Amino acid sequence: MTRRTIGALRTALPCLACDGGTFVDGVVRDAEGAAVPGAQVYMTHRSRVGPPLTTDAGGVYRTAIVHEPGRHVPTQLNVTAPGCAPVVVELYGTARYRCEITLRSGLTTKPAQPVPWETTCEKRE
């Protein structure tokens, strides 16, 4: 291989993952509308779990998970915080979303029931 070919491959390979992914940003708030700093946010796709992150002092987060391209690829946004019931949002397809998450106080032993993205998110294609 020539240097030119190697350079072209280095440029193209990272873009292979760009064809499929779900990207989400937003704010996590409590029932009174106050920001929830320190909430845990992560995404899942089938059996894969994306890296967890923590909301900043303003409750702001930005996360993503890479997957195969397509409009109907299921992914989930998972949000938890101490003393609050977890929230799971069902997302679909290669897209960008802005999700405003409201956490309710209270602990539960039941798994969170996924909610459709239309209830908490705005899709940005």
PDB file of N, CA and C in Angstrom:
ATOM      1  N   MET A   1       0.826  -1.185   0.000  1.00  0.00           N
ATOM      2  CA  MET A   1       0.000   0.000   0.000  1.00  0.00           C
ATOM      3  C   MET A   1       0.866   1.242   0.000  1.00  0.00           C
ATOM      4  N   THR A   2       0.399   2.215  -0.714  1.00  0.00           N
ATOM      5  CA  THR A   2       1.129   3.472  -0.752  1.00  0.00           C
ATOM      6  C   THR A   2       0.726   4.337   0.436  1.00  0.00           C
ATOM      7  N   ARG A   3       1.508   5.366   0.693  1.00  0.00           N
ATOM      8  CA  ARG A   3       1.176   6.309   1.769  1.00  0.00           C
ATOM      9  C   ARG A   3      -0.159   6.990   1.506  1.00  0.00           C
ATOM     10  N   ARG A   4      -0.429   7.245   0.263  1.00  0.00           N
ATOM     11  CA  ARG A   4      -1.678   7.907  -0.108  1.00  0.00           C
ATOM     12  C   ARG A   4      -2.886   7.018   0.236  1.00  0.00           C
ATOM     13  N   THR A   5      -2.774   5.708  -0.056  1.00  0.00           N
ATOM     14  CA  THR A   5      -3.851   4.769   0.255  1.00  0.00           C
ATOM     15  C   THR A   5      -4.048   4.663   1.757  1.00  0.00           C
ATOM     16  N   ILE A   6      -2.957   4.574   2.494  1.00  0.00           N
ATOM     17  CA  ILE A   6      -3.044   4.487   3.958  1.00  0.00           C
ATOM     18  C   ILE A   6      -3.689   5.750   4.518  1.00  0.00           C
ATOM     19  N   GLY A   7      -3.321   6.892   4.000  1.00  0.00           N
ATOM     20  CA  GLY A   7      -3.925   8.151   4.448  1.00  0.00           C
ATOM     21  C   GLY A   7      -5.419   8.197   4.164  1.00  0.00           C
ATOM     22  N   ALA A   8      -5.826   7.710   3.002  1.00  0.00           N
ATOM     23  CA  ALA A   8      -7.247   7.687   2.647  1.00  0.00           C
ATOM     24  C   ALA A   8      -8.017   6.746   3.568  1.00  0.00           C
ATOM     25  N   LEU A   9      -7.428   5.608   3.899  1.00  0.00           N
ATOM     26  CA  LEU A   9      -8.082   4.664   4.816  1.00  0.00           C
ATOM     27  C   LEU A   9      -8.233   5.259   6.211  1.00  0.00           C
ATOM     28  N   ARG A  10      -7.195   5.945   6.685  1.00  0.00           N
ATOM     29  CA  ARG A  10      -7.277   6.582   8.005  1.00  0.00           C
ATOM     30  C   ARG A  10      -8.403   7.610   8.058  1.00  0.00           C
ATOM     31  N   THR A  11      -8.616   8.283   6.943  1.00  0.00           N
ATOM     32  CA  THR A  11      -9.681   9.280   6.884  1.00  0.00           C
ATOM     33  C   THR A  11     -11.047   8.622   6.803  1.00  0.00           C
ATOM     34  N   ALA A  12     -11.179   7.540   6.054  1.00  0.00           N
ATOM     35  CA  ALA A  12     -12.475   6.908   5.815  1.00  0.00           C
ATOM     36  C   ALA A  12     -12.934   6.005   6.955  1.00  0.00           C
ATOM     37  N   LEU A  13     -12.028   5.286   7.610  1.00  0.00           N
ATOM     38  CA  LEU A  13     -12.436   4.308   8.619  1.00  0.00           C
ATOM     39  C   LEU A  13     -13.251   4.889   9.769  1.00  0.00           C
ATOM     40  N   PRO A  14     -12.880   6.023  10.341  1.00  0.00           N
ATOM     41  CA  PRO A  14     -13.718   6.541  11.420  1.00  0.00           C
ATOM     42  C   PRO A  14     -15.142   6.859  10.970  1.00  0.00           C
ATOM     43  N   CYS A  15     -15.348   7.133   9.697  1.00  0.00           N
ATOM     44  CA  CYS A  15     -16.682   7.470   9.198  1.00  0.00           C
ATOM     45  C   CYS A  15     -17.576   6.246   9.037  1.00  0.00           C
ATOM     46  N   LEU A  16     -17.019   5.049   9.073  1.00  0.00           N
ATOM     47  CA  LEU A  16     -17.851   3.857   8.987  1.00  0.00           C
ATOM     48  C   LEU A  16     -18.847   3.822  10.138  1.00  0.00           C
ATOM     49  N   ALA A  17     -18.418   4.246  11.307  1.00  0.00           N
ATOM     50  CA  ALA A  17     -19.307   4.265  12.469  1.00  0.00           C
ATOM     51  C   ALA A  17     -20.299   5.420  12.409  1.00  0.00           C
ATOM     52  N   CYS A  18     -20.055   6.407  11.547  1.00  0.00           N
ATOM     53  CA  CYS A  18     -20.939   7.574  11.466  1.00  0.00           C
ATOM     54  C   CYS A  18     -22.275   7.251  10.799  1.00  0.00           C
ATOM     55  N   ASP A  19     -22.366   6.126  10.096  1.00  0.00           N
ATOM     56  CA  ASP A  19     -23.589   5.787   9.384  1.00  0.00           C
ATOM     57  C   ASP A  19     -24.706   5.338  10.307  1.00  0.00           C
ATOM     58  N   GLY A  20     -24.398   4.896  11.506  1.00  0.00           N
ATOM     59  CA  GLY A  20     -25.426   4.431  12.417  1.00  0.00           C
ATOM     60  C   GLY A  20     -25.119   4.836  13.837  1.00  0.00           C
ATOM     61  N   GLY A  21     -26.026   5.555  14.435  1.00  0.00           N
ATOM     62  CA  GLY A  21     -25.827   5.966  15.816  1.00  0.00           C
ATOM     63  C   GLY A  21     -26.999   6.795  16.288  1.00  0.00           C
ATOM     64  N   THR A  22     -27.199   6.790  17.593  1.00  0.00           N
ATOM     65  CA  THR A  22     -28.219   7.616  18.207  1.00  0.00           C
ATOM     66  C   THR A  22     -27.509   8.581  19.135  1.00  0.00           C
ATOM     67  N   PHE A  23     -27.792   9.856  18.966  1.00  0.00           N
ATOM     68  CA  PHE A  23     -27.143  10.916  19.721  1.00  0.00           C
ATOM     69  C   PHE A  23     -28.202  11.676  20.508  1.00  0.00           C
ATOM     70  N   VAL A  24     -27.951  11.890  21.809  1.00  0.00           N
ATOM     71  CA  VAL A  24     -28.949  12.515  22.673  1.00  0.00           C
ATOM     72  C   VAL A  24     -28.289  13.565  23.547  1.00  0.00           C
ATOM     73  N   ASP A  25     -28.955  14.709  23.687  1.00  0.00           N
ATOM     74  CA  ASP A  25     -28.539  15.698  24.670  1.00  0.00           C
ATOM     75  C   ASP A  25     -29.789  16.236  25.341  1.00  0.00           C
ATOM     76  N   GLY A  26     -29.613  16.864  26.491  1.00  0.00           N
ATOM     77  CA  GLY A  26     -30.762  17.417  27.191  1.00  0.00           C
ATOM     78  C   GLY A  26     -30.442  17.772  28.624  1.00  0.00           C
ATOM     79  N   VAL A  27     -31.504  17.885  29.427  1.00  0.00           N
ATOM     80  CA  VAL A  27     -31.384  18.264  30.830  1.00  0.00           C
ATOM     81  C   VAL A  27     -32.228  17.306  31.667  1.00  0.00           C
ATOM     82  N   VAL A  28     -31.705  16.940  32.830  1.00  0.00           N
ATOM     83  CA  VAL A  28     -32.449  16.129  33.781  1.00  0.00           C
ATOM     84  C   VAL A  28     -32.915  17.057  34.892  1.00  0.00           C
ATOM     85  N   ARG A  29     -34.239  17.022  35.172  1.00  0.00           N
ATOM     86  CA  ARG A  29     -34.827  17.875  36.206  1.00  0.00           C
ATOM     87  C   ARG A  29     -35.646  17.024  37.164  1.00  0.00           C
ATOM     88  N   ASP A  30     -35.925  17.598  38.343  1.00  0.00           N
ATOM     89  CA  ASP A  30     -36.820  16.926  39.276  1.00  0.00           C
ATOM     90  C   ASP A  30     -38.249  17.400  39.014  1.00  0.00           C
ATOM     91  N   ALA A  31     -39.213  16.891  39.790  1.00  0.00           N
ATOM     92  CA  ALA A  31     -40.622  17.211  39.562  1.00  0.00           C
ATOM     93  C   ALA A  31     -40.931  18.696  39.724  1.00  0.00           C
ATOM     94  N   GLU A  32     -40.104  19.419  40.485  1.00  0.00           N
ATOM     95  CA  GLU A  32     -40.309  20.860  40.670  1.00  0.00           C
ATOM     96  C   GLU A  32     -39.616  21.688  39.594  1.00  0.00           C
ATOM     97  N   GLY A  33     -38.885  21.037  38.701  1.00  0.00           N
ATOM     98  CA  GLY A  33     -38.213  21.743  37.612  1.00  0.00           C
ATOM     99  C   GLY A  33     -36.770  22.114  37.890  1.00  0.00           C
ATOM    100  N   ALA A  34     -36.244  21.733  39.055  1.00  0.00           N
ATOM    101  CA  ALA A  34     -34.847  22.025  39.379  1.00  0.00           C
ATOM    102  C   ALA A  34     -33.920  21.030  38.686  1.00  0.00           C
ATOM    103  N   ALA A  35     -32.752  21.510  38.275  1.00  0.00           N
ATOM    104  CA  ALA A  35     -31.759  20.632  37.650  1.00  0.00           C
ATOM    105  C   ALA A  35     -31.314  19.556  38.627  1.00  0.00           C
ATOM    106  N   VAL A  36     -31.010  18.370  38.089  1.00  0.00           N
ATOM    107  CA  VAL A  36     -30.522  17.256  38.906  1.00  0.00           C
ATOM    108  C   VAL A  36     -29.063  16.990  38.530  1.00  0.00           C
ATOM    109  N   PRO A  37     -28.130  17.601  39.274  1.00  0.00           N
ATOM    110  CA  PRO A  37     -26.722  17.289  39.008  1.00  0.00           C
ATOM    111  C   PRO A  37     -26.394  15.902  39.545  1.00  0.00           C
ATOM    112  N   GLY A  38     -25.477  15.224  38.889  1.00  0.00           N
ATOM    113  CA  GLY A  38     -25.031  13.911  39.353  1.00  0.00           C
ATOM    114  C   GLY A  38     -25.914  12.747  38.961  1.00  0.00           C
ATOM    115  N   ALA A  39     -26.916  12.968  38.117  1.00  0.00           N
ATOM    116  CA  ALA A  39     -27.739  11.852  37.632  1.00  0.00           C
ATOM    117  C   ALA A  39     -26.891  10.997  36.684  1.00  0.00           C
ATOM    118  N   GLN A  40     -27.115   9.692  36.706  1.00  0.00           N
ATOM    119  CA  GLN A  40     -26.402   8.776  35.812  1.00  0.00           C
ATOM    120  C   GLN A  40     -27.206   8.611  34.530  1.00  0.00           C
ATOM    121  N   VAL A  41     -26.537   8.763  33.394  1.00  0.00           N
ATOM    122  CA  VAL A  41     -27.176   8.646  32.083  1.00  0.00           C
ATOM    123  C   VAL A  41     -26.354   7.683  31.236  1.00  0.00           C
ATOM    124  N   TYR A  42     -27.035   6.718  30.597  1.00  0.00           N
ATOM    125  CA  TYR A  42     -26.341   5.827  29.671  1.00  0.00           C
ATOM    126  C   TYR A  42     -27.340   5.319  28.640  1.00  0.00           C
ATOM    127  N   MET A  43     -26.817   4.823  27.526  1.00  0.00           N
ATOM    128  CA  MET A  43     -27.658   4.303  26.451  1.00  0.00           C
ATOM    129  C   MET A  43     -27.408   2.822  26.270  1.00  0.00           C
ATOM    130  N   THR A  44     -28.449   2.115  25.808  1.00  0.00           N
ATOM    131  CA  THR A  44     -28.323   0.704  25.501  1.00  0.00           C
ATOM    132  C   THR A  44     -28.848   0.449  24.087  1.00  0.00           C
ATOM    133  N   HIS A  45     -28.262  -0.544  23.454  1.00  0.00           N
ATOM    134  CA  HIS A  45     -28.696  -1.009  22.132  1.00  0.00           C
ATOM    135  C   HIS A  45     -28.570  -2.522  22.147  1.00  0.00           C
ATOM    136  N   ARG A  46     -29.727  -3.189  22.140  1.00  0.00           N
ATOM    137  CA  ARG A  46     -29.767  -4.646  22.281  1.00  0.00           C
ATOM    138  C   ARG A  46     -28.981  -5.039  23.525  1.00  0.00           C
ATOM    139  N   SER A  47     -27.916  -5.813  23.401  1.00  0.00           N
ATOM    140  CA  SER A  47     -27.169  -6.234  24.587  1.00  0.00           C
ATOM    141  C   SER A  47     -25.983  -5.311  24.898  1.00  0.00           C
ATOM    142  N   ARG A  48     -25.789  -4.275  24.096  1.00  0.00           N
ATOM    143  CA  ARG A  48     -24.665  -3.360  24.318  1.00  0.00           C
ATOM    144  C   ARG A  48     -25.077  -2.218  25.239  1.00  0.00           C
ATOM    145  N   VAL A  49     -24.173  -1.848  26.121  1.00  0.00           N
ATOM    146  CA  VAL A  49     -24.398  -0.728  27.025  1.00  0.00           C
ATOM    147  C   VAL A  49     -23.336   0.321  26.745  1.00  0.00           C
ATOM    148  N   GLY A  50     -23.786   1.546  26.482  1.00  0.00           N
ATOM    149  CA  GLY A  50     -22.859   2.641  26.234  1.00  0.00           C
ATOM    150  C   GLY A  50     -22.215   3.105  27.527  1.00  0.00           C
ATOM    151  N   PRO A  51     -21.172   3.904  27.432  1.00  0.00           N
ATOM    152  CA  PRO A  51     -20.488   4.368  28.640  1.00  0.00           C
ATOM    153  C   PRO A  51     -21.398   5.266  29.482  1.00  0.00           C
ATOM    154  N   PRO A  52     -21.428   5.038  30.790  1.00  0.00           N
ATOM    155  CA  PRO A  52     -22.250   5.890  31.647  1.00  0.00           C
ATOM    156  C   PRO A  52     -21.590   7.252  31.826  1.00  0.00           C
ATOM    157  N   LEU A  53     -22.416   8.250  32.045  1.00  0.00           N
ATOM    158  CA  LEU A  53     -21.892   9.579  32.334  1.00  0.00           C
ATOM    159  C   LEU A  53     -22.756  10.207  33.404  1.00  0.00           C
ATOM    160  N   THR A  54     -22.294  11.315  33.943  1.00  0.00           N
ATOM    161  CA  THR A  54     -22.984  12.008  35.023  1.00  0.00           C
ATOM    162  C   THR A  54     -23.370  13.406  34.549  1.00  0.00           C
ATOM    163  N   THR A  55     -24.597  13.827  34.869  1.00  0.00           N
ATOM    164  CA  THR A  55     -25.022  15.179  34.487  1.00  0.00           C
ATOM    165  C   THR A  55     -24.189  16.204  35.246  1.00  0.00           C
ATOM    166  N   ASP A  56     -24.010  17.368  34.622  1.00  0.00           N
ATOM    167  CA  ASP A  56     -23.226  18.423  35.253  1.00  0.00           C
ATOM    168  C   ASP A  56     -24.069  19.197  36.278  1.00  0.00           C
ATOM    169  N   ALA A  57     -23.553  20.288  36.798  1.00  0.00           N
ATOM    170  CA  ALA A  57     -24.236  21.062  37.838  1.00  0.00           C
ATOM    171  C   ALA A  57     -25.587  21.594  37.377  1.00  0.00           C
ATOM    172  N   GLY A  58     -25.755  21.777  36.075  1.00  0.00           N
ATOM    173  CA  GLY A  58     -27.019  22.252  35.525  1.00  0.00           C
ATOM    174  C   GLY A  58     -27.942  21.132  35.078  1.00  0.00           C
ATOM    175  N   GLY A  59     -27.557  19.862  35.363  1.00  0.00           N
ATOM    176  CA  GLY A  59     -28.363  18.717  34.952  1.00  0.00           C
ATOM    177  C   GLY A  59     -28.211  18.360  33.483  1.00  0.00           C
ATOM    178  N   VAL A  60     -27.246  18.969  32.813  1.00  0.00           N
ATOM    179  CA  VAL A  60     -27.052  18.794  31.372  1.00  0.00           C
ATOM    180  C   VAL A  60     -26.251  17.520  31.083  1.00  0.00           C
ATOM    181  N   TYR A  61     -26.624  16.834  29.999  1.00  0.00           N
ATOM    182  CA  TYR A  61     -25.904  15.635  29.559  1.00  0.00           C
ATOM    183  C   TYR A  61     -25.850  15.614  28.034  1.00  0.00           C
ATOM    184  N   ARG A  62     -24.913  14.824  27.519  1.00  0.00           N
ATOM    185  CA  ARG A  62     -24.783  14.555  26.079  1.00  0.00           C
ATOM    186  C   ARG A  62     -24.191  13.171  25.953  1.00  0.00           C
ATOM    187  N   THR A  63     -24.881  12.294  25.228  1.00  0.00           N
ATOM    188  CA  THR A  63     -24.433  10.908  25.105  1.00  0.00           C
ATOM    189  C   THR A  63     -24.767  10.363  23.721  1.00  0.00           C
ATOM    190  N   ALA A  64     -24.200   9.212  23.401  1.00  0.00           N
ATOM    191  CA  ALA A  64     -24.448   8.577  22.099  1.00  0.00           C
ATOM    192  C   ALA A  64     -24.117   7.096  22.187  1.00  0.00           C
ATOM    193  N   ILE A  65     -24.660   6.349  21.246  1.00  0.00           N
ATOM    194  CA  ILE A  65     -24.286   4.947  21.087  1.00  0.00           C
ATOM    195  C   ILE A  65     -24.252   4.651  19.593  1.00  0.00           C
ATOM    196  N   VAL A  66     -23.246   3.919  19.162  1.00  0.00           N
ATOM    197  CA  VAL A  66     -23.085   3.576  17.745  1.00  0.00           C
ATOM    198  C   VAL A  66     -23.771   2.246  17.485  1.00  0.00           C
ATOM    199  N   HIS A  67     -24.483   2.161  16.360  1.00  0.00           N
ATOM    200  CA  HIS A  67     -25.155   0.927  15.960  1.00  0.00           C
ATOM    201  C   HIS A  67     -25.288   0.903  14.449  1.00  0.00           C
ATOM    202  N   GLU A  68     -25.853  -0.179  13.927  1.00  0.00           N
ATOM    203  CA  GLU A  68     -26.045  -0.278  12.486  1.00  0.00           C
ATOM    204  C   GLU A  68     -27.018   0.817  12.027  1.00  0.00           C
ATOM    205  N   PRO A  69     -26.873   1.294  10.798  1.00  0.00           N
ATOM    206  CA  PRO A  69     -27.776   2.343  10.311  1.00  0.00           C
ATOM    207  C   PRO A  69     -29.199   1.818  10.142  1.00  0.00           C
ATOM    208  N   GLY A  70     -30.140   2.703  10.216  1.00  0.00           N
ATOM    209  CA  GLY A  70     -31.530   2.335   9.977  1.00  0.00           C
ATOM    210  C   GLY A  70     -32.493   3.184  10.768  1.00  0.00           C
ATOM    211  N   ARG A  71     -33.734   3.268  10.263  1.00  0.00           N
ATOM    212  CA  ARG A  71     -34.765   4.094  10.901  1.00  0.00           C
ATOM    213  C   ARG A  71     -35.423   3.410  12.088  1.00  0.00           C
ATOM    214  N   HIS A  72     -35.376   2.094  12.140  1.00  0.00           N
ATOM    215  CA  HIS A  72     -36.114   1.368  13.171  1.00  0.00           C
ATOM    216  C   HIS A  72     -35.202   0.630  14.150  1.00  0.00           C
ATOM    217  N   VAL A  73     -33.966   1.078  14.274  1.00  0.00           N
ATOM    218  CA  VAL A  73     -33.024   0.452  15.187  1.00  0.00           C
ATOM    219  C   VAL A  73     -33.377   0.889  16.615  1.00  0.00           C
ATOM    220  N   PRO A  74     -33.705  -0.062  17.503  1.00  0.00           N
ATOM    221  CA  PRO A  74     -34.106   0.321  18.859  1.00  0.00           C
ATOM    222  C   PRO A  74     -32.918   0.643  19.759  1.00  0.00           C
ATOM    223  N   THR A  75     -33.017   1.733  20.477  1.00  0.00           N
ATOM    224  CA  THR A  75     -32.047   2.083  21.514  1.00  0.00           C
ATOM    225  C   THR A  75     -32.830   2.627  22.702  1.00  0.00           C
ATOM    226  N   GLN A  76     -32.180   2.669  23.857  1.00  0.00           N
ATOM    227  CA  GLN A  76     -32.832   3.195  25.049  1.00  0.00           C
ATOM    228  C   GLN A  76     -31.916   4.176  25.761  1.00  0.00           C
ATOM    229  N   LEU A  77     -32.513   5.257  26.239  1.00  0.00           N
ATOM    230  CA  LEU A  77     -31.841   6.222  27.101  1.00  0.00           C
ATOM    231  C   LEU A  77     -32.255   5.882  28.526  1.00  0.00           C
ATOM    232  N   ASN A  78     -31.290   5.670  29.403  1.00  0.00           N
ATOM    233  CA  ASN A  78     -31.545   5.278  30.791  1.00  0.00           C
ATOM    234  C   ASN A  78     -31.031   6.370  31.719  1.00  0.00           C
ATOM    235  N   VAL A  79     -31.873   6.813  32.660  1.00  0.00           N
ATOM    236  CA  VAL A  79     -31.501   7.881  33.584  1.00  0.00           C
ATOM    237  C   VAL A  79     -31.867   7.449  35.004  1.00  0.00           C
ATOM    238  N   THR A  80     -30.892   7.571  35.923  1.00  0.00           N
ATOM    239  CA  THR A  80     -31.129   7.231  37.320  1.00  0.00           C
ATOM    240  C   THR A  80     -30.482   8.284  38.210  1.00  0.00           C
ATOM    241  N   ALA A  81     -31.020   8.418  39.412  1.00  0.00           N
ATOM    242  CA  ALA A  81     -30.437   9.284  40.433  1.00  0.00           C
ATOM    243  C   ALA A  81     -30.872   8.755  41.793  1.00  0.00           C
ATOM    244  N   PRO A  82     -30.035   8.918  42.812  1.00  0.00           N
ATOM    245  CA  PRO A  82     -30.392   8.432  44.144  1.00  0.00           C
ATOM    246  C   PRO A  82     -31.721   9.036  44.616  1.00  0.00           C
ATOM    247  N   GLY A  83     -32.585   8.185  45.156  1.00  0.00           N
ATOM    248  CA  GLY A  83     -33.860   8.640  45.691  1.00  0.00           C
ATOM    249  C   GLY A  83     -34.933   8.897  44.653  1.00  0.00           C
ATOM    250  N   CYS A  84     -34.637   8.574  43.381  1.00  0.00           N
ATOM    251  CA  CYS A  84     -35.599   8.813  42.296  1.00  0.00           C
ATOM    252  C   CYS A  84     -35.900   7.521  41.548  1.00  0.00           C
ATOM    253  N   ALA A  85     -37.097   7.433  41.020  1.00  0.00           N
ATOM    254  CA  ALA A  85     -37.455   6.301  40.170  1.00  0.00           C
ATOM    255  C   ALA A  85     -36.705   6.428  38.842  1.00  0.00           C
ATOM    256  N   PRO A  86     -36.146   5.342  38.318  1.00  0.00           N
ATOM    257  CA  PRO A  86     -35.419   5.410  37.045  1.00  0.00           C
ATOM    258  C   PRO A  86     -36.357   5.716  35.879  1.00  0.00           C
ATOM    259  N   VAL A  87     -35.786   6.300  34.835  1.00  0.00           N
ATOM    260  CA  VAL A  87     -36.526   6.614  33.609  1.00  0.00           C
ATOM    261  C   VAL A  87     -35.820   5.932  32.445  1.00  0.00           C
ATOM    262  N   VAL A  88     -36.600   5.284  31.586  1.00  0.00           N
ATOM    263  CA  VAL A  88     -36.084   4.666  30.362  1.00  0.00           C
ATOM    264  C   VAL A  88     -36.909   5.199  29.205  1.00  0.00           C
ATOM    265  N   VAL A  89     -36.235   5.745  28.191  1.00  0.00           N
ATOM    266  CA  VAL A  89     -36.909   6.297  27.019  1.00  0.00           C
ATOM    267  C   VAL A  89     -36.543   5.458  25.809  1.00  0.00           C
ATOM    268  N   GLU A  90     -37.563   4.990  25.069  1.00  0.00           N
ATOM    269  CA  GLU A  90     -37.360   4.232  23.835  1.00  0.00           C
ATOM    270  C   GLU A  90     -37.065   5.203  22.693  1.00  0.00           C
ATOM    271  N   LEU A  91     -35.939   4.992  22.022  1.00  0.00           N
ATOM    272  CA  LEU A  91     -35.557   5.805  20.861  1.00  0.00           C
ATOM    273  C   LEU A  91     -35.411   4.874  19.663  1.00  0.00           C
ATOM    274  N   TYR A  92     -35.582   5.415  18.465  1.00  0.00           N
ATOM    275  CA  TYR A  92     -35.479   4.580  17.264  1.00  0.00           C
ATOM    276  C   TYR A  92     -34.679   5.269  16.177  1.00  0.00           C
ATOM    277  N   GLY A  93     -33.807   4.491  15.561  1.00  0.00           N
ATOM    278  CA  GLY A  93     -33.143   4.911  14.345  1.00  0.00           C
ATOM    279  C   GLY A  93     -31.903   5.745  14.536  1.00  0.00           C
ATOM    280  N   THR A  94     -31.255   5.959  13.415  1.00  0.00           N
ATOM    281  CA  THR A  94     -30.091   6.813  13.363  1.00  0.00           C
ATOM    282  C   THR A  94     -30.608   8.243  13.394  1.00  0.00           C
ATOM    283  N   ALA A  95     -30.462   8.899  14.537  1.00  0.00           N
ATOM    284  CA  ALA A  95     -31.045  10.234  14.694  1.00  0.00           C
ATOM    285  C   ALA A  95     -30.405  10.957  15.863  1.00  0.00           C
ATOM    286  N   ARG A  96     -30.723  12.236  15.938  1.00  0.00           N
ATOM    287  CA  ARG A  96     -30.337  13.081  17.070  1.00  0.00           C
ATOM    288  C   ARG A  96     -31.608  13.470  17.812  1.00  0.00           C
ATOM    289  N   TYR A  97     -31.537  13.423  19.134  1.00  0.00           N
ATOM    290  CA  TYR A  97     -32.679  13.761  19.969  1.00  0.00           C
ATOM    291  C   TYR A  97     -32.270  14.789  21.023  1.00  0.00           C
ATOM    292  N   ARG A  98     -33.222  15.597  21.428  1.00  0.00           N
ATOM    293  CA  ARG A  98     -33.087  16.450  22.617  1.00  0.00           C
ATOM    294  C   ARG A  98     -34.150  15.952  23.584  1.00  0.00           C
ATOM    295  N   CYS A  99     -33.715  15.414  24.732  1.00  0.00           N
ATOM    296  CA  CYS A  99     -34.640  14.816  25.695  1.00  0.00           C
ATOM    297  C   CYS A  99     -34.575  15.553  27.029  1.00  0.00           C
ATOM    298  N   GLU A 100     -35.703  16.087  27.435  1.00  0.00           N
ATOM    299  CA  GLU A 100     -35.849  16.741  28.734  1.00  0.00           C
ATOM    300  C   GLU A 100     -36.454  15.698  29.672  1.00  0.00           C
ATOM    301  N   ILE A 101     -35.669  15.218  30.610  1.00  0.00           N
ATOM    302  CA  ILE A 101     -36.071  14.130  31.496  1.00  0.00           C
ATOM    303  C   ILE A 101     -36.510  14.690  32.846  1.00  0.00           C
ATOM    304  N   THR A 102     -37.648  14.230  33.325  1.00  0.00           N
ATOM    305  CA  THR A 102     -38.121  14.599  34.659  1.00  0.00           C
ATOM    306  C   THR A 102     -38.092  13.361  35.543  1.00  0.00           C
ATOM    307  N   LEU A 103     -37.315  13.439  36.615  1.00  0.00           N
ATOM    308  CA  LEU A 103     -37.239  12.341  37.570  1.00  0.00           C
ATOM    309  C   LEU A 103     -38.238  12.583  38.698  1.00  0.00           C
ATOM    310  N   ARG A 104     -38.899  11.531  39.109  1.00  0.00           N
ATOM    311  CA  ARG A 104     -39.854  11.577  40.222  1.00  0.00           C
ATOM    312  C   ARG A 104     -39.196  10.955  41.442  1.00  0.00           C
ATOM    313  N   SER A 105     -39.431  11.541  42.591  1.00  0.00           N
ATOM    314  CA  SER A 105     -38.853  10.971  43.808  1.00  0.00           C
ATOM    315  C   SER A 105     -39.549   9.651  44.128  1.00  0.00           C
ATOM    316  N   GLY A 106     -38.821   8.802  44.814  1.00  0.00           N
ATOM    317  CA  GLY A 106     -39.376   7.500  45.197  1.00  0.00           C
ATOM    318  C   GLY A 106     -38.546   6.372  44.655  1.00  0.00           C
ATOM    319  N   LEU A 107     -38.442   5.351  45.443  1.00  0.00           N
ATOM    320  CA  LEU A 107     -37.696   4.166  45.035  1.00  0.00           C
ATOM    321  C   LEU A 107     -38.678   3.099  44.597  1.00  0.00           C
ATOM    322  N   THR A 108     -38.250   2.279  43.687  1.00  0.00           N
ATOM    323  CA  THR A 108     -39.088   1.184  43.221  1.00  0.00           C
ATOM    324  C   THR A 108     -38.231  -0.049  43.017  1.00  0.00           C
ATOM    325  N   THR A 109     -38.801  -1.198  43.261  1.00  0.00           N
ATOM    326  CA  THR A 109     -38.075  -2.447  43.028  1.00  0.00           C
ATOM    327  C   THR A 109     -38.387  -2.993  41.645  1.00  0.00           C
ATOM    328  N   LYS A 110     -39.376  -2.392  40.991  1.00  0.00           N
ATOM    329  CA  LYS A 110     -39.736  -2.828  39.641  1.00  0.00           C
ATOM    330  C   LYS A 110     -38.839  -2.131  38.616  1.00  0.00           C
ATOM    331  N   PRO A 111     -38.529  -2.820  37.519  1.00  0.00           N
ATOM    332  CA  PRO A 111     -37.773  -2.157  36.460  1.00  0.00           C
ATOM    333  C   PRO A 111     -38.597  -1.025  35.850  1.00  0.00           C
ATOM    334  N   ALA A 112     -37.913  -0.014  35.386  1.00  0.00           N
ATOM    335  CA  ALA A 112     -38.600   1.113  34.755  1.00  0.00           C
ATOM    336  C   ALA A 112     -39.292   0.651  33.480  1.00  0.00           C
ATOM    337  N   GLN A 113     -40.506   1.106  33.266  1.00  0.00           N
ATOM    338  CA  GLN A 113     -41.223   0.819  32.026  1.00  0.00           C
ATOM    339  C   GLN A 113     -40.803   1.848  30.981  1.00  0.00           C
ATOM    340  N   PRO A 114     -40.297   1.400  29.837  1.00  0.00           N
ATOM    341  CA  PRO A 114     -39.882   2.357  28.812  1.00  0.00           C
ATOM    342  C   PRO A 114     -41.042   3.238  28.341  1.00  0.00           C
ATOM    343  N   VAL A 115     -40.728   4.509  28.119  1.00  0.00           N
ATOM    344  CA  VAL A 115     -41.722   5.447  27.595  1.00  0.00           C
ATOM    345  C   VAL A 115     -41.318   5.809  26.175  1.00  0.00           C
ATOM    346  N   PRO A 116     -42.284   6.087  25.295  1.00  0.00           N
ATOM    347  CA  PRO A 116     -41.945   6.465  23.922  1.00  0.00           C
ATOM    348  C   PRO A 116     -41.246   7.825  23.883  1.00  0.00           C
ATOM    349  N   TRP A 117     -40.347   7.968  22.938  1.00  0.00           N
ATOM    350  CA  TRP A 117     -39.547   9.187  22.852  1.00  0.00           C
ATOM    351  C   TRP A 117     -40.408  10.437  22.676  1.00  0.00           C
ATOM    352  N   GLU A 118     -41.564  10.304  22.046  1.00  0.00           N
ATOM    353  CA  GLU A 118     -42.405  11.468  21.783  1.00  0.00           C
ATOM    354  C   GLU A 118     -42.870  12.160  23.072  1.00  0.00           C
ATOM    355  N   THR A 119     -42.871  11.436  24.190  1.00  0.00           N
ATOM    356  CA  THR A 119     -43.345  12.018  25.450  1.00  0.00           C
ATOM    357  C   THR A 119     -42.333  12.945  26.107  1.00  0.00           C
ATOM    358  N   THR A 120     -41.045  12.781  25.817  1.00  0.00           N
ATOM    359  CA  THR A 120     -40.018  13.585  26.480  1.00  0.00           C
ATOM    360  C   THR A 120     -38.968  14.165  25.553  1.00  0.00           C
ATOM    361  N   CYS A 121     -39.011  13.812  24.283  1.00  0.00           N
ATOM    362  CA  CYS A 121     -37.918  14.202  23.379  1.00  0.00           C
ATOM    363  C   CYS A 121     -38.413  14.914  22.123  1.00  0.00           C
ATOM    364  N   GLU A 122     -37.468  15.611  21.526  1.00  0.00           N
ATOM    365  CA  GLU A 122     -37.669  16.239  20.218  1.00  0.00           C
ATOM    366  C   GLU A 122     -36.652  15.609  19.289  1.00  0.00           C
ATOM    367  N   LYS A 123     -37.094  15.103  18.151  1.00  0.00           N
ATOM    368  CA  LYS A 123     -36.196  14.443  17.206  1.00  0.00           C
ATOM    369  C   LYS A 123     -35.625  15.488  16.256  1.00  0.00           C
ATOM    370  N   ARG A 124     -34.305  15.429  16.074  1.00  0.00           N
ATOM    371  CA  ARG A 124     -33.598  16.338  15.150  1.00  0.00           C
ATOM    372  C   ARG A 124     -32.878  15.492  14.124  1.00  0.00           C
ATOM    373  N   GLU A 125     -33.402  15.390  12.941  1.00  0.00           N
ATOM    374  CA  GLU A 125     -32.783  14.518  11.944  1.00  0.00           C
ATOM    375  C   GLU A 125     -31.800  15.255  11.103  1.00  0.00           C
TER     376      GLU A 125
END
